[in-house]
Protein backbone atom coordinates (compact mmCIF):
# COMPACT_ATOMS: atom_id res chain seq x y z
CA MET A 1 0.00 0.00 0.00
CA ALA A 2 1.32 3.41 -0.96
CA GLU A 3 2.11 5.77 1.88
CA LYS A 4 -0.60 8.35 2.48
CA LYS A 5 0.32 11.86 1.33
CA TYR A 6 -0.73 14.06 4.22
CA LEU A 7 -1.63 17.70 3.60
CA MET A 8 0.05 18.83 6.80
CA VAL A 9 2.46 17.70 9.52
CA ALA A 10 1.83 18.94 13.06
CA SER A 11 4.29 18.56 15.92
CA LEU A 12 3.36 18.60 19.60
CA GLN A 13 5.69 19.05 22.55
CA LEU A 14 4.46 18.30 26.05
CA GLY A 15 7.57 19.53 27.82
CA ARG A 16 8.67 19.41 31.43
CA THR A 17 8.27 23.17 31.87
CA TYR A 18 6.52 24.49 28.75
CA SER A 19 4.41 23.03 25.95
CA CYS A 20 3.77 24.15 22.37
CA TYR A 21 3.07 23.02 18.82
CA ALA A 22 4.10 23.78 15.24
CA PHE A 23 2.92 22.76 11.77
CA SER A 24 3.95 22.73 8.13
CA THR A 25 1.85 22.26 4.99
CA ARG A 26 2.87 19.96 2.16
CA HIS A 27 2.90 22.63 -0.54
CA GLU A 28 4.89 25.08 1.59
CA PHE A 29 7.39 22.36 2.53
CA LYS A 30 8.10 21.70 -1.15
CA GLU A 31 8.91 25.39 -1.66
CA ASP A 32 10.84 25.84 1.57
CA PRO A 33 11.37 23.01 4.13
CA LEU A 34 11.91 25.64 6.84
CA LYS A 35 8.54 27.30 6.27
CA ILE A 36 7.20 26.27 9.68
CA HIS A 37 4.29 27.86 11.52
CA VAL A 38 4.13 27.91 15.30
CA ASN A 39 1.16 28.27 17.60
CA PRO A 40 -0.26 31.77 18.17
CA VAL A 41 1.41 33.51 21.07
CA TRP A 42 0.08 32.89 24.54
CA LYS A 43 -0.25 36.16 26.43
CA THR A 44 0.34 37.13 30.04
CA ASN A 45 0.25 40.59 31.57
CA GLN A 46 4.05 40.72 31.37
CA TYR A 47 4.97 39.21 27.98
CA MET A 48 3.95 37.09 25.00
CA SER A 49 5.30 33.57 24.71
CA MET A 50 5.55 30.96 21.97
CA SER A 51 4.93 28.27 24.60
CA THR A 52 2.64 27.86 27.60
CA PRO A 53 3.40 26.29 31.00
CA THR A 54 2.88 22.56 31.27
CA CYS A 55 0.18 22.67 33.90
CA LEU A 56 -3.36 21.28 33.97
CA LEU A 57 -6.38 22.23 36.07
CA LEU A 58 -9.30 19.83 36.59
CA ASN A 59 -12.44 20.15 38.72
CA LYS A 60 -13.44 17.76 41.50
CA ASP A 61 -15.09 15.49 38.91
CA LYS A 62 -11.72 15.26 37.13
CA GLU A 63 -13.05 17.22 34.17
CA PHE A 64 -10.91 19.62 32.15
CA VAL A 65 -10.93 23.26 33.29
CA ALA A 66 -7.82 24.90 31.84
CA PHE A 67 -4.26 24.36 30.62
CA GLY A 68 -1.13 26.54 30.64
CA TYR A 69 -1.27 30.20 31.64
CA GLU A 70 -5.05 30.01 32.05
CA ALA A 71 -4.66 27.09 34.45
CA GLU A 72 -2.14 29.07 36.52
CA ASN A 73 -4.43 32.10 36.68
CA GLU A 74 -7.54 30.13 37.56
CA TYR A 75 -5.78 28.06 40.22
CA ALA A 76 -4.49 31.23 41.86
CA GLU A 77 -8.13 32.30 42.17
CA VAL A 78 -8.99 28.87 43.56
CA ILE A 79 -6.38 29.35 46.30
CA LEU A 80 -7.78 32.77 47.18
CA ASP A 81 -11.29 31.31 47.41
CA GLY A 82 -10.05 28.47 49.64
CA GLU A 83 -11.36 25.81 47.25
CA THR A 84 -8.20 23.79 46.57
CA ASP A 85 -9.92 20.59 47.78
CA ASP A 86 -12.35 20.89 44.86
CA TYR A 87 -9.67 21.02 42.15
CA TYR A 88 -6.67 19.13 40.80
CA PHE A 89 -3.69 21.21 39.71
CA MET A 90 -0.76 19.40 38.07
CA LYS A 91 2.43 21.19 37.09
CA SER A 92 5.53 19.98 35.20
CA PHE A 93 4.09 16.47 35.40
CA THR A 94 6.08 14.93 32.51
CA THR A 95 9.16 15.21 34.73
CA LEU A 96 8.11 11.84 36.22
CA LEU A 97 8.95 10.14 32.92
CA HIS A 98 12.53 11.39 32.71
CA ASN A 99 15.35 9.04 33.68
CA ASN A 100 12.80 6.95 35.54
CA LYS A 101 13.20 3.20 35.13
CA ASP A 102 10.20 2.52 37.38
CA VAL A 103 7.62 3.92 34.96
CA THR A 104 4.54 1.67 34.68
CA ASP A 105 1.37 1.77 32.61
CA ASP A 106 -0.74 2.38 35.72
CA MET A 107 1.49 4.98 37.37
CA ILE A 108 -0.18 7.88 39.18
CA ILE A 109 0.59 11.60 39.42
CA LYS A 110 0.14 13.74 42.52
CA ASP A 111 -1.17 17.25 42.15
CA VAL A 112 0.30 20.17 44.14
CA THR A 113 -1.82 19.25 47.19
CA GLY A 114 -1.10 15.53 47.08
CA LYS A 115 -4.31 14.32 45.40
CA THR A 116 -3.69 11.55 42.85
CA LEU A 117 -4.72 10.93 39.25
CA PRO A 118 -3.74 8.32 36.64
CA ALA A 119 -0.77 9.66 34.69
CA SER A 120 -2.23 8.49 31.38
CA GLU A 121 -5.37 10.58 31.98
CA VAL A 122 -3.32 13.71 32.75
CA PHE A 123 -1.31 13.19 29.56
CA ARG A 124 -4.46 12.49 27.52
CA LEU A 125 -6.25 15.66 28.60
CA SER A 126 -3.13 17.78 28.02
CA ILE A 127 -2.53 16.39 24.52
CA LYS A 128 -6.24 16.76 23.74
CA TYR A 129 -6.02 20.45 24.67
CA LEU A 130 -3.02 21.05 22.37
CA VAL A 131 -4.70 19.16 19.52
CA SER A 132 -7.92 21.15 19.97
CA HIS A 133 -6.01 24.43 20.15
CA LEU A 134 -4.15 23.59 16.93
CA ILE A 135 -7.33 22.60 15.06
CA GLN A 136 -8.94 25.89 16.12
CA THR A 137 -5.87 27.77 14.87
CA LEU A 138 -6.10 26.02 11.49
CA ASP A 139 -9.83 26.81 11.26
CA LYS A 140 -9.13 30.51 11.91
CA ARG A 141 -6.49 30.44 9.17
CA GLY A 142 -8.98 28.87 6.79
CA GLU A 143 -6.75 25.84 6.18
CA GLY A 144 -9.67 23.41 6.07
CA VAL A 145 -7.53 20.49 7.24
CA GLY A 146 -9.15 17.60 9.09
CA HIS A 147 -7.66 14.89 11.32
CA GLU A 148 -7.46 12.49 8.36
CA ASP A 149 -5.16 14.93 6.51
CA LEU A 150 -2.75 15.44 9.43
CA LYS A 151 0.42 13.57 10.27
CA TRP A 152 1.18 14.05 13.97
CA VAL A 153 4.68 14.16 15.43
CA LEU A 154 5.15 13.93 19.18
CA THR A 155 8.66 14.99 20.22
CA ILE A 156 10.06 13.19 23.25
CA PRO A 157 13.33 13.28 25.25
CA SER A 158 15.93 10.60 24.61
CA SER A 159 15.93 9.76 28.31
CA TRP A 160 12.48 8.16 28.22
CA THR A 161 12.16 4.41 28.63
CA GLU A 162 10.15 2.30 26.20
CA THR A 163 7.38 2.12 28.80
CA ALA A 164 7.28 5.92 29.07
CA LYS A 165 7.04 6.19 25.27
CA HIS A 166 4.26 3.59 25.27
CA ILE A 167 2.25 5.50 27.88
CA MET A 168 2.53 8.74 25.94
CA LYS A 169 1.62 7.04 22.66
CA LEU A 170 -1.51 5.48 24.18
CA SER A 171 -2.42 8.82 25.75
CA ALA A 172 -2.12 10.52 22.36
CA GLU A 173 -4.33 7.90 20.76
CA LYS A 174 -6.93 8.27 23.52
CA ALA A 175 -6.78 12.04 22.90
CA GLY A 176 -8.05 11.43 19.37
CA ILE A 177 -4.89 10.91 17.28
CA GLN A 178 -5.06 7.83 15.09
CA SER A 179 -2.21 5.37 15.67
CA ASP A 180 -1.21 5.21 11.99
CA HIS A 181 -1.13 9.04 11.87
CA LEU A 182 1.29 9.33 14.79
CA VAL A 183 5.08 9.17 14.96
CA MET A 184 7.27 9.79 18.00
CA VAL A 185 10.63 11.50 17.39
CA PRO A 186 13.46 12.25 19.86
CA GLU A 187 13.90 15.98 20.46
CA SER A 188 17.62 15.71 19.72
CA ALA A 189 16.94 14.15 16.30
CA SER A 190 14.46 16.92 15.48
CA ALA A 191 17.03 19.59 16.36
CA TYR A 192 19.70 17.79 14.32
CA ILE A 193 17.50 17.52 11.21
CA TYR A 194 16.49 21.17 11.46
CA TYR A 195 20.13 22.25 11.79
CA GLN A 196 21.25 20.12 8.86
CA THR A 197 18.42 21.46 6.68
CA LEU A 198 19.37 25.02 7.60
CA ARG A 199 23.06 24.28 6.99
CA SER A 200 22.47 22.69 3.59
CA GLN A 201 20.39 25.68 2.47
CA ASP A 202 22.94 28.25 3.64
CA ASN A 203 26.11 26.53 2.51
CA LYS A 204 24.84 24.04 -0.06
CA GLN A 205 27.01 21.47 1.71
CA LYS A 206 26.32 17.78 1.57
CA GLN A 207 25.96 16.10 4.93
CA GLN A 208 29.01 14.01 5.72
CA ASP A 209 28.43 10.36 6.48
CA GLY A 210 29.95 9.33 9.81
CA ALA A 211 30.16 12.87 11.22
CA GLU A 212 29.11 13.28 14.85
CA TYR A 213 27.23 16.18 16.38
CA MET A 214 26.53 17.03 20.00
CA VAL A 215 23.02 18.35 20.56
CA VAL A 216 22.52 20.21 23.85
CA ASN A 217 18.86 20.75 24.67
CA LEU A 218 18.53 23.38 27.41
CA GLY A 219 15.17 22.70 29.00
CA GLY A 220 13.43 23.93 32.10
CA PHE A 221 14.47 21.14 34.44
CA ALA A 222 17.59 19.76 32.81
CA ALA A 223 20.08 19.83 29.97
CA ASP A 224 19.75 16.83 27.66
CA ILE A 225 23.08 16.15 25.95
CA THR A 226 23.07 13.78 22.97
CA VAL A 227 25.74 12.77 20.48
CA ILE A 228 24.22 11.88 17.09
CA LYS A 229 25.99 10.23 14.16
CA ARG A 230 24.71 10.03 10.60
CA GLN A 231 25.61 6.71 9.02
CA ASN A 232 24.19 5.19 5.82
CA ASP A 233 21.39 7.80 5.80
CA LYS A 234 20.35 6.79 9.30
CA LEU A 235 20.66 8.71 12.56
CA ILE A 236 22.37 6.81 15.34
CA GLU A 237 22.32 8.06 18.92
CA SER A 238 25.81 7.11 20.06
CA TYR A 239 25.69 8.76 23.46
CA HIS A 240 23.15 10.47 25.72
CA THR A 241 22.98 11.84 29.22
CA THR A 242 20.91 14.30 31.24
CA ASP A 243 22.27 16.87 33.69
CA ASN A 244 19.55 17.88 36.13
CA SER A 245 21.43 20.89 37.52
CA CYS A 246 21.39 23.09 34.40
CA GLY A 247 17.73 23.82 33.72
CA SER A 248 16.26 27.31 33.49
CA THR A 249 14.07 26.67 36.54
CA PHE A 250 17.25 26.66 38.63
CA VAL A 251 17.96 30.18 37.36
CA ASN A 252 14.53 31.16 38.68
CA LYS A 253 15.37 29.58 42.03
CA GLN A 254 18.54 31.64 42.22
CA PHE A 255 16.51 34.77 41.53
CA PHE A 256 14.01 34.04 44.30
CA HIS A 257 16.89 33.24 46.61
CA ILE A 258 17.87 36.92 46.20
CA PHE A 259 14.32 37.89 47.12
CA ASP A 260 14.52 35.70 50.21
CA GLU A 261 17.74 37.44 51.22
CA ILE A 262 16.05 40.82 50.82
CA SER A 263 12.72 40.20 52.52
CA GLY A 264 13.20 36.98 54.43
CA GLU A 265 12.18 33.52 53.32
CA SER A 266 9.01 33.52 55.43
CA VAL A 267 7.77 36.74 53.81
CA MET A 268 8.01 35.39 50.25
CA LYS A 269 6.52 32.07 51.36
CA ASN A 270 3.59 33.95 52.90
CA LEU A 271 3.09 35.91 49.69
CA LYS A 272 3.08 32.71 47.62
CA GLU A 273 0.55 30.98 49.87
CA ASN A 274 -1.81 33.89 50.59
CA ASP A 275 -1.49 36.11 47.53
CA PRO A 276 -0.65 33.70 44.68
CA LEU A 277 -1.68 36.11 41.92
CA PHE A 278 0.90 38.67 43.01
CA TYR A 279 3.55 35.98 43.44
CA LEU A 280 2.70 34.76 39.93
CA ASP A 281 3.14 38.31 38.63
CA ILE A 282 6.65 38.43 40.11
CA GLU A 283 7.51 35.03 38.58
CA ARG A 284 6.31 36.10 35.15
CA GLU A 285 7.98 39.50 35.39
CA PHE A 286 11.31 37.80 36.02
CA GLU A 287 10.67 35.37 33.15
CA ALA A 288 10.09 38.35 30.85
CA VAL A 289 13.29 40.03 32.05
CA LYS A 290 15.23 36.79 31.73
CA ARG A 291 14.18 36.35 28.10
CA SER A 292 15.28 39.91 27.23
CA ILE A 293 18.87 39.51 28.43
CA ASP A 294 21.77 38.99 26.02
CA SER A 295 25.53 38.72 26.45
CA GLU A 296 26.16 42.27 25.19
CA MET A 297 23.78 44.01 27.57
CA GLN A 298 25.40 46.58 29.89
CA ARG A 299 22.49 48.68 31.11
CA LYS A 300 20.54 48.08 34.29
CA ILE A 301 17.55 45.77 34.17
CA SER A 302 14.16 47.14 35.18
CA LEU A 303 12.03 44.71 37.16
CA SER A 304 8.49 45.79 38.00
CA ILE A 305 7.05 44.47 41.24
CA PRO A 306 3.31 45.02 41.83
CA ILE A 307 2.76 47.75 44.43
CA VAL A 308 0.03 45.67 46.04
CA ALA A 309 2.50 42.82 46.46
CA LEU A 310 4.98 45.16 48.13
CA ASP A 311 2.26 46.40 50.46
CA LYS A 312 1.56 42.82 51.45
CA ILE A 313 5.14 42.33 52.62
CA GLN A 314 5.09 43.00 56.33
CA LYS A 315 8.73 43.95 56.49
CA PHE A 316 8.50 46.49 53.71
CA THR A 317 10.41 49.27 55.53
CA GLU A 318 13.24 46.90 56.40
CA CYS A 319 13.21 45.62 52.82
CA LEU A 320 13.73 49.10 51.43
CA ARG A 321 16.83 49.55 53.55
CA LYS A 322 18.21 46.23 52.32
CA ILE A 323 17.26 47.04 48.74
CA LYS A 324 19.12 50.34 48.94
CA HIS A 325 22.14 48.65 50.46
CA LEU A 326 22.14 45.98 47.75
CA LYS A 327 21.64 48.53 44.94
CA TYR A 328 18.18 47.25 44.02
CA LEU A 329 16.55 50.65 44.56
CA ASN A 330 13.74 51.69 42.19
CA GLY A 331 13.48 48.17 40.81
CA ASN A 332 16.76 48.39 38.89
CA ILE A 333 19.06 45.40 39.07
CA ALA A 334 22.66 45.71 37.93
CA VAL A 335 23.50 43.36 35.06
CA GLY A 336 26.59 42.16 36.91
CA LEU A 337 24.48 41.19 39.89
CA LEU A 338 21.84 39.53 37.73
CA GLY A 339 24.68 37.66 36.05
CA LYS A 340 25.24 35.85 39.33
CA VAL A 341 21.77 34.39 38.95
CA PHE A 342 22.86 32.72 35.71
CA ARG A 343 26.50 32.02 36.56
CA ALA A 344 26.03 28.86 38.62
CA GLN A 345 23.94 27.17 35.92
CA LEU A 346 26.29 28.30 33.12
CA ASP A 347 29.33 26.93 34.94
CA MET A 348 27.58 23.60 35.51
CA LEU A 349 26.43 23.46 31.89
CA ILE A 350 29.93 24.08 30.55
CA ALA A 351 31.37 21.46 32.89
CA ALA A 352 28.67 18.95 31.95
CA THR A 353 29.18 19.50 28.21
CA GLU A 354 32.95 19.12 28.47
CA HIS A 355 32.53 15.98 30.58
CA GLU A 356 30.11 14.38 28.12
CA GLU A 357 32.40 15.22 25.21
CA ARG A 358 35.21 13.34 26.95
CA MET A 359 32.88 10.41 27.73
CA ALA A 360 31.73 10.25 24.09
CA ASP A 361 35.35 10.23 22.90
CA GLU A 362 36.16 7.44 25.35
CA GLN A 363 33.16 5.44 24.15
CA LYS A 364 34.27 5.92 20.56
CA GLY A 365 37.72 4.60 21.48
CA ILE A 366 36.22 1.55 23.18
CA ASN A 367 34.02 0.81 20.16
CA SER A 368 36.98 1.15 17.78
CA LYS A 369 39.04 -1.25 19.91
CA ARG A 370 36.22 -3.81 19.96
CA CYS A 371 35.88 -3.49 16.19
CA ARG A 372 39.60 -4.20 15.68
CA GLU A 373 39.56 -7.16 18.09
CA SER A 374 36.58 -8.73 16.32
CA ARG A 375 38.39 -8.82 12.97
């Protein structure tokens, strides 16, 4: 049977920190393989993002309420109303599948308050939301593409076990994606293919057989480091590891550690528990600032903190004295000081990359020796 010629390929990513999707039509791909459309921007009060947080909100009947930024906003209201017992709020739940050899088909996920749900159901509802959001986007664009015309790609980390892949595949199918329309692709392979396509267009160079490339995927919770080799028109993953100390969420932790030093840990904890909307505003404000920073920046960084949130801090007067002493006055943070927030993770990332490069070279030497001995 001839392979079906799909009108469009859509890719979904249910990431550890953020989720998103992208798509490409057949006719545009023929003209330009890099003509790729991404999801419409998700908006917050602070910035616009091409991805949305991987978090899911369900009601007490385990029915879908919201996903992403909307789920964060609505759950903050739930906390204020004292109704957390009537809702399930899951955040960064795919983390359970990473480097976990104990993954089972019937594994459960705990929400932020400890209530449990089947992992497969959490994955199903999340994928269903992304699929629905994409179909609505296509309808607004007037694409007129149905499920039968779509090839779905679900990108996954190389660290997942076969059981983890199986759970996600079944969840996608239960979310409405036909099995024969679905393919699962490692994130590292996707990045490699994109880079090689871009490289061949820019330089018109033919990809060298046997060449190895290190793909470093800087995610929210970890850095996935993979060495990929192209051999006989096939991609071979010759080495992979995950460093859990280099994710962007650790940069955020460093930032809030500064806030704890300024106001006291108990003050920020109180704000998070009793005024979650304001705490969420501070989190998102820092995320916006973080995304605007580049290596050439020399000016001070402006960080807006909601006045109401400041009023809620009981030690506000003492905080101002500390802020002045630490040169945080007027919400301006020196780039050099903010650099300290990133420095620890950058140092660990560089060390991890250099270590894995040595390990890959050692593995290559071992394989070469075995090859010679087998002759």
